[in-house]
Amino acid sequence: MSVPARVTLYSRPGCHLCDDARVVIERVCADLGTSYVEVSIDDDPVLRERYGEEIPVTLVDGRQHDFWRVDEQRLRAALSS
């Protein structure tokens, strides 16, 4: 049985802020031994409508944590609690 990802990154292809966010999320998740999943908002009209102007959006344990930029220390703190 797999453990669900604690971090979700909503993104879209070609988004440079999404690329930056992914680097931070990958580093933090690797350091803390947790997983993340990336979802393209372009694949879901509801997500595109909800998050279109805010991407990248980061969720931790299903709750919105950051948008536009990912603060590494803040993400580490959220995942350590």
N, C-alpha and C. Protein backbone atom coordinates (compact mmCIF):
# COMPACT_ATOMS: atom_id res chain seq x y z
N MET A 1 0.85 -1.18 0.00
CA MET A 1 0.00 0.00 0.00
C MET A 1 0.89 1.24 0.00
N SER A 2 0.69 2.13 -0.94
CA SER A 2 1.53 3.32 -1.03
C SER A 2 0.94 4.44 -0.18
N VAL A 3 1.83 5.27 0.31
CA VAL A 3 1.44 6.42 1.11
C VAL A 3 1.16 7.58 0.17
N PRO A 4 0.03 8.27 0.35
CA PRO A 4 -0.26 9.39 -0.54
C PRO A 4 0.77 10.52 -0.37
N ALA A 5 1.00 11.23 -1.44
CA ALA A 5 1.95 12.34 -1.42
C ALA A 5 1.45 13.42 -0.47
N ARG A 6 2.35 13.97 0.32
CA ARG A 6 1.98 15.06 1.23
C ARG A 6 1.96 16.40 0.52
N VAL A 7 2.71 16.51 -0.58
CA VAL A 7 2.81 17.78 -1.31
C VAL A 7 2.24 17.61 -2.71
N THR A 8 1.41 18.57 -3.10
CA THR A 8 0.89 18.61 -4.46
C THR A 8 1.33 19.93 -5.08
N LEU A 9 1.88 19.84 -6.28
CA LEU A 9 2.27 21.03 -7.03
C LEU A 9 1.35 21.15 -8.23
N TYR A 10 0.53 22.20 -8.25
CA TYR A 10 -0.27 22.49 -9.43
C TYR A 10 0.56 23.41 -10.32
N SER A 11 0.70 23.01 -11.57
CA SER A 11 1.59 23.72 -12.49
C SER A 11 1.01 23.68 -13.90
N ARG A 12 1.80 24.20 -14.83
CA ARG A 12 1.48 24.07 -16.26
C ARG A 12 2.79 24.07 -17.03
N PRO A 13 2.81 23.37 -18.15
CA PRO A 13 4.03 23.32 -18.97
C PRO A 13 4.45 24.71 -19.41
N GLY A 14 5.77 24.93 -19.43
CA GLY A 14 6.31 26.20 -19.90
C GLY A 14 6.30 27.31 -18.88
N CYS A 15 5.93 27.01 -17.66
CA CYS A 15 5.86 28.02 -16.60
C CYS A 15 7.20 28.06 -15.85
N HIS A 16 7.94 29.17 -15.97
CA HIS A 16 9.26 29.23 -15.31
C HIS A 16 9.14 29.25 -13.79
N LEU A 17 8.09 29.85 -13.24
CA LEU A 17 7.90 29.82 -11.79
C LEU A 17 7.61 28.39 -11.32
N CYS A 18 6.91 27.62 -12.15
CA CYS A 18 6.65 26.22 -11.83
C CYS A 18 7.95 25.43 -11.80
N ASP A 19 8.83 25.72 -12.75
CA ASP A 19 10.14 25.06 -12.78
C ASP A 19 10.92 25.37 -11.50
N ASP A 20 10.90 26.62 -11.07
CA ASP A 20 11.59 27.02 -9.85
C ASP A 20 10.99 26.32 -8.63
N ALA A 21 9.67 26.29 -8.57
CA ALA A 21 8.99 25.65 -7.45
C ALA A 21 9.32 24.16 -7.38
N ARG A 22 9.34 23.51 -8.53
CA ARG A 22 9.63 22.07 -8.59
C ARG A 22 11.01 21.76 -8.00
N VAL A 23 12.00 22.59 -8.31
CA VAL A 23 13.35 22.38 -7.79
C VAL A 23 13.35 22.41 -6.26
N VAL A 24 12.68 23.40 -5.69
CA VAL A 24 12.62 23.53 -4.23
C VAL A 24 11.86 22.34 -3.63
N ILE A 25 10.72 22.00 -4.20
CA ILE A 25 9.91 20.91 -3.68
C ILE A 25 10.66 19.58 -3.76
N GLU A 26 11.30 19.34 -4.89
CA GLU A 26 12.08 18.09 -5.03
C GLU A 26 13.17 17.99 -3.97
N ARG A 27 13.87 19.10 -3.74
CA ARG A 27 14.96 19.10 -2.76
C ARG A 27 14.43 18.85 -1.34
N VAL A 28 13.39 19.56 -0.96
CA VAL A 28 12.84 19.43 0.39
C VAL A 28 12.26 18.03 0.59
N CYS A 29 11.50 17.55 -0.37
CA CYS A 29 10.91 16.22 -0.23
C CYS A 29 11.97 15.13 -0.17
N ALA A 30 13.03 15.26 -0.96
CA ALA A 30 14.12 14.28 -0.92
C ALA A 30 14.81 14.32 0.43
N ASP A 31 15.08 15.50 0.94
CA ASP A 31 15.74 15.64 2.24
C ASP A 31 14.91 15.05 3.37
N LEU A 32 13.59 15.22 3.30
CA LEU A 32 12.71 14.79 4.39
C LEU A 32 12.10 13.41 4.17
N GLY A 33 12.39 12.80 3.03
CA GLY A 33 11.89 11.46 2.75
C GLY A 33 10.39 11.40 2.54
N THR A 34 9.84 12.45 1.97
CA THR A 34 8.41 12.47 1.67
C THR A 34 8.24 12.58 0.15
N SER A 35 7.04 12.41 -0.30
CA SER A 35 6.79 12.41 -1.74
C SER A 35 5.95 13.62 -2.14
N TYR A 36 5.97 13.88 -3.44
CA TYR A 36 5.11 14.92 -3.98
C TYR A 36 4.55 14.45 -5.31
N VAL A 37 3.48 15.09 -5.70
CA VAL A 37 2.87 14.80 -6.99
C VAL A 37 2.68 16.14 -7.71
N GLU A 38 2.89 16.12 -9.01
CA GLU A 38 2.69 17.33 -9.81
C GLU A 38 1.50 17.12 -10.73
N VAL A 39 0.61 18.12 -10.76
CA VAL A 39 -0.60 18.05 -11.56
C VAL A 39 -0.65 19.27 -12.47
N SER A 40 -0.81 19.03 -13.76
CA SER A 40 -0.94 20.14 -14.71
C SER A 40 -2.38 20.65 -14.68
N ILE A 41 -2.54 21.94 -14.41
CA ILE A 41 -3.89 22.50 -14.39
C ILE A 41 -4.50 22.52 -15.78
N ASP A 42 -3.66 22.42 -16.81
CA ASP A 42 -4.17 22.42 -18.18
C ASP A 42 -4.97 21.15 -18.50
N ASP A 43 -4.80 20.11 -17.68
CA ASP A 43 -5.51 18.85 -17.91
C ASP A 43 -6.88 18.80 -17.25
N ASP A 44 -7.25 19.85 -16.50
CA ASP A 44 -8.51 19.84 -15.75
C ASP A 44 -9.11 21.24 -15.77
N PRO A 45 -10.27 21.41 -16.43
CA PRO A 45 -10.88 22.74 -16.54
C PRO A 45 -11.20 23.37 -15.19
N VAL A 46 -11.56 22.57 -14.20
CA VAL A 46 -11.87 23.11 -12.87
C VAL A 46 -10.61 23.67 -12.22
N LEU A 47 -9.51 22.93 -12.31
CA LEU A 47 -8.25 23.42 -11.75
C LEU A 47 -7.76 24.64 -12.51
N ARG A 48 -7.90 24.63 -13.82
CA ARG A 48 -7.47 25.77 -14.63
C ARG A 48 -8.24 27.03 -14.23
N GLU A 49 -9.53 26.89 -14.01
CA GLU A 49 -10.36 28.03 -13.59
C GLU A 49 -9.97 28.51 -12.20
N ARG A 50 -9.74 27.58 -11.30
CA ARG A 50 -9.44 27.92 -9.90
C ARG A 50 -8.04 28.52 -9.73
N TYR A 51 -7.04 27.93 -10.38
CA TYR A 51 -5.64 28.30 -10.11
C TYR A 51 -4.94 28.99 -11.27
N GLY A 52 -5.64 29.29 -12.35
CA GLY A 52 -5.01 29.80 -13.56
C GLY A 52 -4.08 30.99 -13.39
N GLU A 53 -4.41 31.90 -12.49
CA GLU A 53 -3.60 33.11 -12.30
C GLU A 53 -2.64 33.00 -11.12
N GLU A 54 -2.64 31.88 -10.42
CA GLU A 54 -1.83 31.75 -9.20
C GLU A 54 -0.70 30.74 -9.31
N ILE A 55 -0.61 30.00 -10.42
CA ILE A 55 0.37 28.92 -10.47
C ILE A 55 1.79 29.45 -10.41
N PRO A 56 2.68 28.67 -9.88
CA PRO A 56 2.43 27.37 -9.28
C PRO A 56 1.75 27.52 -7.92
N VAL A 57 0.94 26.53 -7.60
CA VAL A 57 0.28 26.46 -6.31
C VAL A 57 0.76 25.19 -5.62
N THR A 58 1.13 25.32 -4.36
CA THR A 58 1.60 24.18 -3.57
C THR A 58 0.61 23.89 -2.47
N LEU A 59 0.22 22.62 -2.37
CA LEU A 59 -0.63 22.17 -1.28
C LEU A 59 0.19 21.23 -0.40
N VAL A 60 -0.02 21.33 0.90
CA VAL A 60 0.58 20.40 1.86
C VAL A 60 -0.56 19.75 2.61
N ASP A 61 -0.60 18.43 2.55
CA ASP A 61 -1.66 17.66 3.20
C ASP A 61 -3.04 18.16 2.79
N GLY A 62 -3.17 18.52 1.49
CA GLY A 62 -4.46 18.90 0.94
C GLY A 62 -4.87 20.34 1.15
N ARG A 63 -4.05 21.13 1.84
CA ARG A 63 -4.38 22.53 2.09
C ARG A 63 -3.39 23.42 1.35
N GLN A 64 -3.92 24.53 0.78
CA GLN A 64 -3.04 25.43 0.04
C GLN A 64 -1.98 26.00 0.96
N HIS A 65 -0.74 25.93 0.50
CA HIS A 65 0.40 26.35 1.31
C HIS A 65 1.07 27.59 0.71
N ASP A 66 1.33 27.60 -0.57
CA ASP A 66 1.99 28.71 -1.26
C ASP A 66 1.43 28.85 -2.66
N PHE A 67 1.64 30.02 -3.24
CA PHE A 67 1.43 30.19 -4.68
C PHE A 67 2.47 31.16 -5.20
N TRP A 68 2.75 31.07 -6.48
CA TRP A 68 3.78 31.81 -7.21
C TRP A 68 5.18 31.40 -6.82
N ARG A 69 5.55 31.47 -5.58
CA ARG A 69 6.89 31.10 -5.11
C ARG A 69 6.77 30.11 -3.96
N VAL A 70 7.75 29.22 -3.85
CA VAL A 70 7.79 28.28 -2.73
C VAL A 70 8.92 28.70 -1.80
N ASP A 71 8.57 29.00 -0.57
CA ASP A 71 9.55 29.35 0.45
C ASP A 71 10.07 28.05 1.06
N GLU A 72 11.36 27.77 0.83
CA GLU A 72 11.92 26.49 1.25
C GLU A 72 11.80 26.26 2.76
N GLN A 73 12.14 27.26 3.55
CA GLN A 73 12.09 27.08 5.01
C GLN A 73 10.65 26.87 5.50
N ARG A 74 9.73 27.60 4.91
CA ARG A 74 8.32 27.45 5.29
C ARG A 74 7.81 26.06 4.93
N LEU A 75 8.20 25.57 3.76
CA LEU A 75 7.79 24.22 3.34
C LEU A 75 8.39 23.17 4.26
N ARG A 76 9.68 23.31 4.59
CA ARG A 76 10.32 22.37 5.52
C ARG A 76 9.58 22.35 6.87
N ALA A 77 9.24 23.52 7.37
CA ALA A 77 8.55 23.60 8.65
C ALA A 77 7.19 22.93 8.59
N ALA A 78 6.46 23.14 7.50
CA ALA A 78 5.13 22.53 7.35
C ALA A 78 5.22 21.01 7.30
N LEU A 79 6.24 20.51 6.63
CA LEU A 79 6.38 19.05 6.49
C LEU A 79 7.00 18.41 7.73
N SER A 80 7.60 19.20 8.58
CA SER A 80 8.21 18.66 9.79
C SER A 80 7.26 18.63 10.97
N SER A 81 6.12 19.30 10.82
CA SER A 81 5.17 19.36 11.95
C SER A 81 4.23 18.18 11.93
